[in-house]
Amino acid sequence: MAECDPLGWFPEDFGLKDHSVFWFDGYYYLVATHVPRSKQFAYARSTDLCVWEEMTPILTERSLGSWDEAAIWAPYVWEEGGVFFMVYTGVTREFTQSIMLATSTNPADPLSWENKGMIFQPDHEGMVWVDGQWADCRDPNVLMAGMTYYLYYTGVDIDGGIVGLATSATPYGPWRDWGRTILPLSDQALPESSTVTVHDGVYYLFYNDSKQGEVFRIGASPSGPWKNPEPFRPGWAHEVWQIPEGEWYTSYLTNYAITISPLIWDSFFSPARPFIGDEIHHTLIPLVLMRE
């Protein structure tokens, strides 16, 4: 990696929010919610995670009456069989939110991204989501386990803000909405920027809690059950990913820019805990046995 402190993308003329980092043909690509032009995604690439080449924004065309007419938020990208899939939040003029899909076979060309339309809206029992008004369904993330795709999203049910879960046999759907994968807290606002990753067969759910800040929970399967939240600092809206050589990194928001840092899985704990940085120091307190 380049000698850059810190790593990341820090544009001077606009801001960034929820984002995704992926690798294609010798470059890291970063796509992010554009601030203030939320009708397009900011787009850049880098060979070293330090110096970024700003590219033409993507998905700039909005269609009258479409589910993403007013804004697009929170992209997440993964590759499968030479096709790059991007799920993201579509927002109408009434702030009704849905999950959208776009694809590309050549991310080096910003114009190659094709909008495939709306693929998911919540329909689980107890949901709070109404077309034509503010309706929460955003911040998507997709994980494939076995032959099943797991779609995580943030939304609301009758008990409060949730991280929801849906499953499908294909990225295009149809998706079965299972509702909340973590129990909501009555005094908690909507969880934000959820993402899930797997390390050594263990599942880690990251999200931003309005009361606690960024947290993670550990689960034995893609649907949990999830252990109690643990803090994950610094930053918020984290993504956790591996570079081609296998090392782990995390990217996260700091003052509407994207900071990137090495990530360590600390096997002092079982299961391992994720820590931001390239070094961990443990302080061990000697056990003194008292004799009568």
C-alpha atoms as a PDB file:
ATOM      1  CA  MET A   1       0.000   0.000   0.000  1.00  0.00           C
ATOM      2  CA  ALA A   2       0.995   3.609  -0.526  1.00  0.00           C
ATOM      3  CA  GLU A   3       2.397   5.676   2.320  1.00  0.00           C
ATOM      4  CA  CYS A   4      -0.736   7.701   2.954  1.00  0.00           C
ATOM      5  CA  ASP A   5      -2.051   8.747   6.345  1.00  0.00           C
ATOM      6  CA  PRO A   6      -4.870   8.119   6.370  1.00  0.00           C
ATOM      7  CA  LEU A   7      -5.922   6.028   3.383  1.00  0.00           C
ATOM      8  CA  GLY A   8      -9.214   7.027   1.798  1.00  0.00           C
ATOM      9  CA  TRP A   9     -11.028   9.336  -0.587  1.00  0.00           C
ATOM     10  CA  PHE A  10     -11.342  12.955   0.569  1.00  0.00           C
ATOM     11  CA  PRO A  11     -12.903  15.022  -2.256  1.00  0.00           C
ATOM     12  CA  GLU A  12     -12.758  18.783  -1.843  1.00  0.00           C
ATOM     13  CA  ASP A  13     -15.816  19.868  -3.856  1.00  0.00           C
ATOM     14  CA  PHE A  14     -18.497  17.507  -2.515  1.00  0.00           C
ATOM     15  CA  GLY A  15     -19.198  15.062   0.285  1.00  0.00           C
ATOM     16  CA  LEU A  16     -19.681  11.318   0.527  1.00  0.00           C
ATOM     17  CA  LYS A  17     -21.961   9.133   2.616  1.00  0.00           C
ATOM     18  CA  ASP A  18     -22.818   5.408   2.492  1.00  0.00           C
ATOM     19  CA  HIS A  19     -20.525   3.646   0.039  1.00  0.00           C
ATOM     20  CA  SER A  20     -19.041   0.413  -1.301  1.00  0.00           C
ATOM     21  CA  VAL A  21     -15.493  -0.599  -2.304  1.00  0.00           C
ATOM     22  CA  PHE A  22     -14.765  -3.327  -4.874  1.00  0.00           C
ATOM     23  CA  TRP A  23     -11.898  -4.597  -7.059  1.00  0.00           C
ATOM     24  CA  PHE A  24     -11.813  -4.796 -10.863  1.00  0.00           C
ATOM     25  CA  ASP A  25      -8.940  -5.209 -13.335  1.00  0.00           C
ATOM     26  CA  GLY A  26      -6.142  -3.734 -11.224  1.00  0.00           C
ATOM     27  CA  TYR A  27      -8.150  -0.984  -9.514  1.00  0.00           C
ATOM     28  CA  TYR A  28     -10.107  -0.469  -6.347  1.00  0.00           C
ATOM     29  CA  TYR A  29     -13.411   1.231  -7.148  1.00  0.00           C
ATOM     30  CA  LEU A  30     -15.396   3.306  -4.684  1.00  0.00           C
ATOM     31  CA  VAL A  31     -19.031   4.241  -5.249  1.00  0.00           C
ATOM     32  CA  ALA A  32     -20.837   6.432  -2.730  1.00  0.00           C
ATOM     33  CA  THR A  33     -23.889   8.541  -2.021  1.00  0.00           C
ATOM     34  CA  HIS A  34     -23.080  12.002  -3.387  1.00  0.00           C
ATOM     35  CA  VAL A  35     -23.600  15.023  -1.141  1.00  0.00           C
ATOM     36  CA  PRO A  36     -25.393  17.195  -2.095  1.00  0.00           C
ATOM     37  CA  ARG A  37     -26.306  15.705  -5.524  1.00  0.00           C
ATOM     38  CA  SER A  38     -28.193  12.650  -4.303  1.00  0.00           C
ATOM     39  CA  LYS A  39     -29.577  11.928  -7.803  1.00  0.00           C
ATOM     40  CA  GLN A  40     -26.252  10.322  -8.762  1.00  0.00           C
ATOM     41  CA  PHE A  41     -23.483   8.250  -7.214  1.00  0.00           C
ATOM     42  CA  ALA A  42     -19.943   9.559  -6.776  1.00  0.00           C
ATOM     43  CA  TYR A  43     -17.448   7.234  -8.463  1.00  0.00           C
ATOM     44  CA  ALA A  44     -13.651   6.909  -8.284  1.00  0.00           C
ATOM     45  CA  ARG A  45     -10.851   4.373  -8.593  1.00  0.00           C
ATOM     46  CA  SER A  46      -7.368   3.879  -7.152  1.00  0.00           C
ATOM     47  CA  THR A  47      -4.467   1.462  -7.384  1.00  0.00           C
ATOM     48  CA  ASP A  48      -3.326   2.054  -3.798  1.00  0.00           C
ATOM     49  CA  LEU A  49      -6.355   3.278  -1.747  1.00  0.00           C
ATOM     50  CA  CYS A  50      -4.483   6.597  -1.354  1.00  0.00           C
ATOM     51  CA  VAL A  51      -4.623   8.528  -4.639  1.00  0.00           C
ATOM     52  CA  TRP A  52      -8.089   8.454  -6.236  1.00  0.00           C
ATOM     53  CA  GLU A  53      -9.020   9.204  -9.831  1.00  0.00           C
ATOM     54  CA  GLU A  54     -12.433  10.863  -9.810  1.00  0.00           C
ATOM     55  CA  MET A  55     -14.622   9.385 -12.552  1.00  0.00           C
ATOM     56  CA  THR A  56     -17.899  10.395 -14.147  1.00  0.00           C
ATOM     57  CA  PRO A  57     -20.768   9.959 -11.646  1.00  0.00           C
ATOM     58  CA  ILE A  58     -22.942   6.922 -12.324  1.00  0.00           C
ATOM     59  CA  LEU A  59     -26.679   6.242 -12.564  1.00  0.00           C
ATOM     60  CA  THR A  60     -27.334   9.913 -13.254  1.00  0.00           C
ATOM     61  CA  GLU A  61     -30.579   9.423 -15.208  1.00  0.00           C
ATOM     62  CA  ARG A  62     -33.822   9.588 -13.229  1.00  0.00           C
ATOM     63  CA  SER A  63     -37.182   8.600 -14.743  1.00  0.00           C
ATOM     64  CA  LEU A  64     -40.426  10.439 -13.987  1.00  0.00           C
ATOM     65  CA  GLY A  65     -42.555   8.371 -11.625  1.00  0.00           C
ATOM     66  CA  SER A  66     -39.872   5.729 -10.985  1.00  0.00           C
ATOM     67  CA  TRP A  67     -39.050   4.339  -7.555  1.00  0.00           C
ATOM     68  CA  ASP A  68     -35.735   6.237  -7.628  1.00  0.00           C
ATOM     69  CA  GLU A  69     -37.003   9.455  -9.214  1.00  0.00           C
ATOM     70  CA  ALA A  70     -35.956  11.809  -6.391  1.00  0.00           C
ATOM     71  CA  ALA A  71     -32.725  10.301  -5.029  1.00  0.00           C
ATOM     72  CA  ILE A  72     -30.437   7.292  -4.809  1.00  0.00           C
ATOM     73  CA  TRP A  73     -28.617   6.319  -1.620  1.00  0.00           C
ATOM     74  CA  ALA A  74     -26.352   3.696  -0.084  1.00  0.00           C
ATOM     75  CA  PRO A  75     -24.895   1.490  -2.869  1.00  0.00           C
ATOM     76  CA  TYR A  76     -23.461  -1.966  -2.232  1.00  0.00           C
ATOM     77  CA  VAL A  77     -21.531  -3.849  -4.956  1.00  0.00           C
ATOM     78  CA  TRP A  78     -20.457  -7.468  -5.353  1.00  0.00           C
ATOM     79  CA  GLU A  79     -19.182  -9.523  -8.299  1.00  0.00           C
ATOM     80  CA  GLU A  80     -20.406 -12.891  -9.488  1.00  0.00           C
ATOM     81  CA  GLY A  81     -19.438 -14.696 -12.682  1.00  0.00           C
ATOM     82  CA  GLY A  82     -18.062 -11.550 -14.321  1.00  0.00           C
ATOM     83  CA  VAL A  83     -21.179  -9.512 -13.533  1.00  0.00           C
ATOM     84  CA  PHE A  84     -21.077  -6.704 -10.970  1.00  0.00           C
ATOM     85  CA  PHE A  85     -24.321  -6.260  -9.037  1.00  0.00           C
ATOM     86  CA  MET A  86     -25.214  -3.061  -7.205  1.00  0.00           C
ATOM     87  CA  VAL A  87     -28.121  -2.824  -4.795  1.00  0.00           C
ATOM     88  CA  TYR A  88     -29.058   0.631  -3.569  1.00  0.00           C
ATOM     89  CA  THR A  89     -31.896   2.695  -2.117  1.00  0.00           C
ATOM     90  CA  GLY A  90     -34.357   4.371  -4.464  1.00  0.00           C
ATOM     91  CA  VAL A  91     -36.340   7.349  -3.163  1.00  0.00           C
ATOM     92  CA  THR A  92     -39.529   8.876  -4.605  1.00  0.00           C
ATOM     93  CA  ARG A  93     -40.654  12.492  -4.311  1.00  0.00           C
ATOM     94  CA  GLU A  94     -42.714  11.438  -1.277  1.00  0.00           C
ATOM     95  CA  PHE A  95     -39.610   9.755   0.249  1.00  0.00           C
ATOM     96  CA  THR A  96     -41.010   6.289  -0.225  1.00  0.00           C
ATOM     97  CA  GLN A  97     -37.926   4.036  -0.188  1.00  0.00           C
ATOM     98  CA  SER A  98     -37.303   0.775  -2.061  1.00  0.00           C
ATOM     99  CA  ILE A  99     -34.336  -1.431  -2.914  1.00  0.00           C
ATOM    100  CA  MET A 100     -33.096  -1.098  -6.500  1.00  0.00           C
ATOM    101  CA  LEU A 101     -30.638  -3.096  -8.620  1.00  0.00           C
ATOM    102  CA  ALA A 102     -28.092  -2.114 -11.286  1.00  0.00           C
ATOM    103  CA  THR A 103     -25.507  -4.272 -13.083  1.00  0.00           C
ATOM    104  CA  SER A 104     -22.300  -3.869 -15.100  1.00  0.00           C
ATOM    105  CA  THR A 105     -19.833  -6.167 -16.835  1.00  0.00           C
ATOM    106  CA  ASN A 106     -17.235  -3.397 -17.192  1.00  0.00           C
ATOM    107  CA  PRO A 107     -17.133  -1.054 -14.176  1.00  0.00           C
ATOM    108  CA  ALA A 108     -14.212   0.824 -15.779  1.00  0.00           C
ATOM    109  CA  ASP A 109     -16.876   2.468 -17.958  1.00  0.00           C
ATOM    110  CA  PRO A 110     -19.237   4.545 -15.783  1.00  0.00           C
ATOM    111  CA  LEU A 111     -21.883   4.393 -18.534  1.00  0.00           C
ATOM    112  CA  SER A 112     -21.925   0.586 -18.365  1.00  0.00           C
ATOM    113  CA  TRP A 113     -24.082   0.516 -15.239  1.00  0.00           C
ATOM    114  CA  GLU A 114     -27.650  -0.478 -16.181  1.00  0.00           C
ATOM    115  CA  ASN A 115     -30.617   0.207 -13.944  1.00  0.00           C
ATOM    116  CA  LYS A 116     -32.630  -3.013 -13.533  1.00  0.00           C
ATOM    117  CA  GLY A 117     -35.385  -1.382 -11.512  1.00  0.00           C
ATOM    118  CA  MET A 118     -36.973  -2.023  -8.140  1.00  0.00           C
ATOM    119  CA  ILE A 119     -36.386  -5.512  -6.673  1.00  0.00           C
ATOM    120  CA  PHE A 120     -37.647  -5.279  -3.089  1.00  0.00           C
ATOM    121  CA  GLN A 121     -40.182  -3.569  -0.842  1.00  0.00           C
ATOM    122  CA  PRO A 122     -40.982  -4.858   2.652  1.00  0.00           C
ATOM    123  CA  ASP A 123     -44.149  -6.916   3.096  1.00  0.00           C
ATOM    124  CA  HIS A 124     -43.590  -8.822   6.340  1.00  0.00           C
ATOM    125  CA  GLU A 125     -46.237  -9.023   9.034  1.00  0.00           C
ATOM    126  CA  GLY A 126     -46.077  -5.964  11.278  1.00  0.00           C
ATOM    127  CA  MET A 127     -44.162  -3.808   8.824  1.00  0.00           C
ATOM    128  CA  VAL A 128     -44.614  -0.026   8.703  1.00  0.00           C
ATOM    129  CA  TRP A 129     -44.244   0.894   5.028  1.00  0.00           C
ATOM    130  CA  VAL A 130     -46.786   2.803   2.932  1.00  0.00           C
ATOM    131  CA  ASP A 131     -46.374   3.868  -0.691  1.00  0.00           C
ATOM    132  CA  GLY A 132     -46.877   7.592  -1.275  1.00  0.00           C
ATOM    133  CA  GLN A 133     -45.390   8.807   2.016  1.00  0.00           C
ATOM    134  CA  TRP A 134     -42.124   8.609   3.924  1.00  0.00           C
ATOM    135  CA  ALA A 135     -41.490   4.872   4.206  1.00  0.00           C
ATOM    136  CA  ASP A 136     -38.176   3.434   5.449  1.00  0.00           C
ATOM    137  CA  CYS A 137     -36.485   0.691   3.427  1.00  0.00           C
ATOM    138  CA  ARG A 138     -32.838   1.521   2.782  1.00  0.00           C
ATOM    139  CA  ASP A 139     -29.121   0.764   3.220  1.00  0.00           C
ATOM    140  CA  PRO A 140     -29.125  -2.645   1.487  1.00  0.00           C
ATOM    141  CA  ASN A 141     -26.408  -5.269   1.742  1.00  0.00           C
ATOM    142  CA  VAL A 142     -26.343  -8.699   0.090  1.00  0.00           C
ATOM    143  CA  LEU A 143     -24.590 -11.850   1.276  1.00  0.00           C
ATOM    144  CA  MET A 144     -24.615 -15.231  -0.492  1.00  0.00           C
ATOM    145  CA  ALA A 145     -24.508 -18.348   1.708  1.00  0.00           C
ATOM    146  CA  GLY A 146     -24.906 -21.731   0.059  1.00  0.00           C
ATOM    147  CA  MET A 147     -27.391 -21.264  -2.755  1.00  0.00           C
ATOM    148  CA  THR A 148     -29.300 -18.470  -1.014  1.00  0.00           C
ATOM    149  CA  TYR A 149     -28.953 -14.699  -1.276  1.00  0.00           C
ATOM    150  CA  TYR A 150     -29.553 -12.765   1.944  1.00  0.00           C
ATOM    151  CA  LEU A 151     -30.657  -9.143   1.640  1.00  0.00           C
ATOM    152  CA  TYR A 152     -30.280  -6.953   4.727  1.00  0.00           C
ATOM    153  CA  TYR A 153     -32.035  -3.593   4.940  1.00  0.00           C
ATOM    154  CA  THR A 154     -33.048  -1.040   7.552  1.00  0.00           C
ATOM    155  CA  GLY A 155     -36.711  -0.298   8.090  1.00  0.00           C
ATOM    156  CA  VAL A 156     -39.478  -0.028  10.652  1.00  0.00           C
ATOM    157  CA  ASP A 157     -42.026  -2.431  12.102  1.00  0.00           C
ATOM    158  CA  ILE A 158     -44.713  -1.885  14.719  1.00  0.00           C
ATOM    159  CA  ASP A 159     -42.157  -2.129  17.532  1.00  0.00           C
ATOM    160  CA  GLY A 160     -39.551   0.279  16.146  1.00  0.00           C
ATOM    161  CA  GLY A 161     -36.505   0.480  13.904  1.00  0.00           C
ATOM    162  CA  ILE A 162     -35.127  -2.811  12.588  1.00  0.00           C
ATOM    163  CA  VAL A 163     -32.476  -4.442  10.482  1.00  0.00           C
ATOM    164  CA  GLY A 164     -34.651  -6.562   8.211  1.00  0.00           C
ATOM    165  CA  LEU A 165     -33.793  -9.716   6.267  1.00  0.00           C
ATOM    166  CA  ALA A 166     -35.078 -11.124   2.977  1.00  0.00           C
ATOM    167  CA  THR A 167     -33.940 -14.165   0.977  1.00  0.00           C
ATOM    168  CA  SER A 168     -33.998 -15.177  -2.691  1.00  0.00           C
ATOM    169  CA  ALA A 169     -32.547 -17.741  -5.081  1.00  0.00           C
ATOM    170  CA  THR A 170     -31.324 -14.943  -7.412  1.00  0.00           C
ATOM    171  CA  PRO A 171     -30.172 -11.305  -7.048  1.00  0.00           C
ATOM    172  CA  TYR A 172     -33.209 -10.257  -9.104  1.00  0.00           C
ATOM    173  CA  GLY A 173     -35.721 -11.836  -6.738  1.00  0.00           C
ATOM    174  CA  PRO A 174     -38.418 -12.585  -5.930  1.00  0.00           C
ATOM    175  CA  TRP A 175     -37.412 -11.881  -2.349  1.00  0.00           C
ATOM    176  CA  ARG A 176     -39.135 -13.347   0.695  1.00  0.00           C
ATOM    177  CA  ASP A 177     -39.235 -10.780   3.479  1.00  0.00           C
ATOM    178  CA  TRP A 178     -38.649 -12.326   6.913  1.00  0.00           C
ATOM    179  CA  GLY A 179     -38.819  -9.034   8.797  1.00  0.00           C
ATOM    180  CA  ARG A 180     -36.486  -8.128  11.609  1.00  0.00           C
ATOM    181  CA  THR A 181     -33.278 -10.048  12.195  1.00  0.00           C
ATOM    182  CA  ILE A 182     -32.541  -8.088  15.400  1.00  0.00           C
ATOM    183  CA  LEU A 183     -35.107  -7.118  17.986  1.00  0.00           C
ATOM    184  CA  PRO A 184     -35.921  -3.395  17.910  1.00  0.00           C
ATOM    185  CA  LEU A 185     -35.568  -1.178  20.954  1.00  0.00           C
ATOM    186  CA  SER A 186     -38.563   1.024  21.682  1.00  0.00           C
ATOM    187  CA  ASP A 187     -36.400   4.099  22.357  1.00  0.00           C
ATOM    188  CA  GLN A 188     -34.043   3.492  19.417  1.00  0.00           C
ATOM    189  CA  ALA A 189     -34.255   5.342  16.117  1.00  0.00           C
ATOM    190  CA  LEU A 190     -33.815   3.511  12.839  1.00  0.00           C
ATOM    191  CA  PRO A 191     -30.587   1.477  12.648  1.00  0.00           C
ATOM    192  CA  GLU A 192     -28.445   2.811   9.801  1.00  0.00           C
ATOM    193  CA  SER A 193     -25.942   1.465   7.281  1.00  0.00           C
ATOM    194  CA  SER A 194     -26.185  -2.237   8.063  1.00  0.00           C
ATOM    195  CA  THR A 195     -23.677  -4.657   6.537  1.00  0.00           C
ATOM    196  CA  VAL A 196     -22.782  -8.315   7.141  1.00  0.00           C
ATOM    197  CA  THR A 197     -19.485 -10.123   6.619  1.00  0.00           C
ATOM    198  CA  VAL A 198     -18.177 -13.612   7.379  1.00  0.00           C
ATOM    199  CA  HIS A 199     -14.870 -14.523   9.060  1.00  0.00           C
ATOM    200  CA  ASP A 200     -13.873 -18.108   9.932  1.00  0.00           C
ATOM    201  CA  GLY A 201     -17.462 -19.275   9.556  1.00  0.00           C
ATOM    202  CA  VAL A 202     -18.812 -16.641  11.953  1.00  0.00           C
ATOM    203  CA  TYR A 203     -21.212 -13.893  10.829  1.00  0.00           C
ATOM    204  CA  TYR A 204     -20.747 -10.261  11.849  1.00  0.00           C
ATOM    205  CA  LEU A 205     -23.560  -7.709  11.536  1.00  0.00           C
ATOM    206  CA  PHE A 206     -22.425  -4.065  11.618  1.00  0.00           C
ATOM    207  CA  TYR A 207     -24.748  -1.058  11.868  1.00  0.00           C
ATOM    208  CA  ASN A 208     -25.005   2.420  13.371  1.00  0.00           C
ATOM    209  CA  ASP A 209     -27.109   2.699  16.516  1.00  0.00           C
ATOM    210  CA  SER A 210     -28.355   6.206  17.305  1.00  0.00           C
ATOM    211  CA  LYS A 211     -27.791   5.580  21.031  1.00  0.00           C
ATOM    212  CA  GLN A 212     -24.467   3.709  20.936  1.00  0.00           C
ATOM    213  CA  GLY A 213     -22.832   4.714  17.645  1.00  0.00           C
ATOM    214  CA  GLU A 214     -21.340   2.069  15.366  1.00  0.00           C
ATOM    215  CA  VAL A 215     -21.698  -1.469  16.724  1.00  0.00           C
ATOM    216  CA  PHE A 216     -21.354  -5.073  15.610  1.00  0.00           C
ATOM    217  CA  ARG A 217     -23.117  -8.272  16.604  1.00  0.00           C
ATOM    218  CA  ILE A 218     -21.897 -11.831  16.222  1.00  0.00           C
ATOM    219  CA  GLY A 219     -24.112 -14.586  14.837  1.00  0.00           C
ATOM    220  CA  ALA A 220     -23.848 -18.293  14.026  1.00  0.00           C
ATOM    221  CA  SER A 221     -25.800 -18.015  10.762  1.00  0.00           C
ATOM    222  CA  PRO A 222     -26.817 -15.350   8.219  1.00  0.00           C
ATOM    223  CA  SER A 223     -30.027 -14.819  10.175  1.00  0.00           C
ATOM    224  CA  GLY A 224     -28.475 -14.920  13.640  1.00  0.00           C
ATOM    225  CA  PRO A 225     -29.361 -15.232  16.422  1.00  0.00           C
ATOM    226  CA  TRP A 226     -27.201 -12.190  17.134  1.00  0.00           C
ATOM    227  CA  LYS A 227     -25.321 -11.589  20.358  1.00  0.00           C
ATOM    228  CA  ASN A 228     -25.439  -8.281  22.194  1.00  0.00           C
ATOM    229  CA  PRO A 229     -23.929  -5.289  20.363  1.00  0.00           C
ATOM    230  CA  GLU A 230     -20.279  -4.359  20.868  1.00  0.00           C
ATOM    231  CA  PRO A 231     -18.739  -0.974  19.945  1.00  0.00           C
ATOM    232  CA  PHE A 232     -16.806  -0.555  16.685  1.00  0.00           C
ATOM    233  CA  ARG A 233     -14.822   2.675  16.533  1.00  0.00           C
ATOM    234  CA  PRO A 234     -14.075   5.102  14.955  1.00  0.00           C
ATOM    235  CA  GLY A 235     -16.440   6.338  12.233  1.00  0.00           C
ATOM    236  CA  TRP A 236     -19.811   5.123  11.014  1.00  0.00           C
ATOM    237  CA  ALA A 237     -21.376   3.411   7.964  1.00  0.00           C
ATOM    238  CA  HIS A 238     -18.554   0.853   7.895  1.00  0.00           C
ATOM    239  CA  GLU A 239     -17.904  -1.596   5.090  1.00  0.00           C
ATOM    240  CA  VAL A 240     -15.616  -4.579   5.802  1.00  0.00           C
ATOM    241  CA  TRP A 241     -13.774  -6.232   2.907  1.00  0.00           C
ATOM    242  CA  GLN A 242     -10.609  -7.993   1.736  1.00  0.00           C
ATOM    243  CA  ILE A 243      -8.008  -6.822  -0.757  1.00  0.00           C
ATOM    244  CA  PRO A 244      -6.888  -9.304  -3.467  1.00  0.00           C
ATOM    245  CA  GLU A 245      -3.875 -10.352  -1.347  1.00  0.00           C
ATOM    246  CA  GLY A 246      -6.245 -11.432   1.419  1.00  0.00           C
ATOM    247  CA  GLU A 247      -5.721  -8.735   4.062  1.00  0.00           C
ATOM    248  CA  TRP A 248      -8.821  -7.246   5.669  1.00  0.00           C
ATOM    249  CA  TYR A 249      -9.754  -3.567   5.522  1.00  0.00           C
ATOM    250  CA  THR A 250     -12.625  -1.380   6.611  1.00  0.00           C
ATOM    251  CA  SER A 251     -13.878   1.860   5.052  1.00  0.00           C
ATOM    252  CA  TYR A 252     -16.048   4.297   6.967  1.00  0.00           C
ATOM    253  CA  LEU A 253     -17.395   7.839   7.094  1.00  0.00           C
ATOM    254  CA  THR A 254     -15.499  10.665   8.759  1.00  0.00           C
ATOM    255  CA  ASN A 255     -16.833  14.189   8.119  1.00  0.00           C
ATOM    256  CA  TYR A 256     -18.489  13.226   4.805  1.00  0.00           C
ATOM    257  CA  ALA A 257     -15.357  11.600   3.428  1.00  0.00           C
ATOM    258  CA  ILE A 258     -14.289   7.952   3.270  1.00  0.00           C
ATOM    259  CA  THR A 259     -11.431   6.847   5.519  1.00  0.00           C
ATOM    260  CA  ILE A 260      -9.875   3.412   4.912  1.00  0.00           C
ATOM    261  CA  SER A 261      -7.949   1.425   7.502  1.00  0.00           C
ATOM    262  CA  PRO A 262      -6.518  -2.069   8.004  1.00  0.00           C
ATOM    263  CA  LEU A 263      -8.713  -4.335  10.110  1.00  0.00           C
ATOM    264  CA  ILE A 264      -7.488  -7.009  12.502  1.00  0.00           C
ATOM    265  CA  TRP A 265      -9.465 -10.034  13.664  1.00  0.00           C
ATOM    266  CA  ASP A 266      -8.297 -10.484  17.243  1.00  0.00           C
ATOM    267  CA  SER A 267      -8.218 -14.203  18.054  1.00  0.00           C
ATOM    268  CA  PHE A 268      -7.522 -13.406  21.735  1.00  0.00           C
ATOM    269  CA  PHE A 269     -11.309 -13.553  21.833  1.00  0.00           C
ATOM    270  CA  SER A 270     -13.500 -16.429  20.683  1.00  0.00           C
ATOM    271  CA  PRO A 271     -15.051 -15.774  18.240  1.00  0.00           C
ATOM    272  CA  ALA A 272     -12.506 -13.233  17.005  1.00  0.00           C
ATOM    273  CA  ARG A 273     -13.379  -9.544  17.370  1.00  0.00           C
ATOM    274  CA  PRO A 274     -12.757  -6.985  14.611  1.00  0.00           C
ATOM    275  CA  PHE A 275     -10.552  -4.008  15.471  1.00  0.00           C
ATOM    276  CA  ILE A 276      -9.667  -1.021  13.295  1.00  0.00           C
ATOM    277  CA  GLY A 277      -5.914  -0.563  12.879  1.00  0.00           C
ATOM    278  CA  ASP A 278      -2.867  -2.701  12.183  1.00  0.00           C
ATOM    279  CA  GLU A 279      -1.796  -3.365  15.789  1.00  0.00           C
ATOM    280  CA  ILE A 280      -3.489  -4.605  18.959  1.00  0.00           C
ATOM    281  CA  HIS A 281      -2.008  -4.479  22.447  1.00  0.00           C
ATOM    282  CA  HIS A 282      -3.464  -6.467  25.339  1.00  0.00           C
ATOM    283  CA  THR A 283      -2.777  -5.624  28.950  1.00  0.00           C
ATOM    284  CA  LEU A 284      -2.684  -8.724  31.136  1.00  0.00           C
ATOM    285  CA  ILE A 285      -3.093  -8.282  34.884  1.00  0.00           C
ATOM    286  CA  PRO A 286      -1.228 -10.914  36.942  1.00  0.00           C
ATOM    287  CA  LEU A 287      -3.412 -13.073  39.145  1.00  0.00           C
ATOM    288  CA  VAL A 288      -2.205 -12.973  42.742  1.00  0.00           C
ATOM    289  CA  LEU A 289      -3.273 -15.843  44.960  1.00  0.00           C
ATOM    290  CA  MET A 290      -3.771 -14.878  48.606  1.00  0.00           C
ATOM    291  CA  ARG A 291      -2.974 -17.399  51.351  1.00  0.00           C
ATOM    292  CA  GLU A 292      -4.539 -17.349  54.733  1.00  0.00           C
END
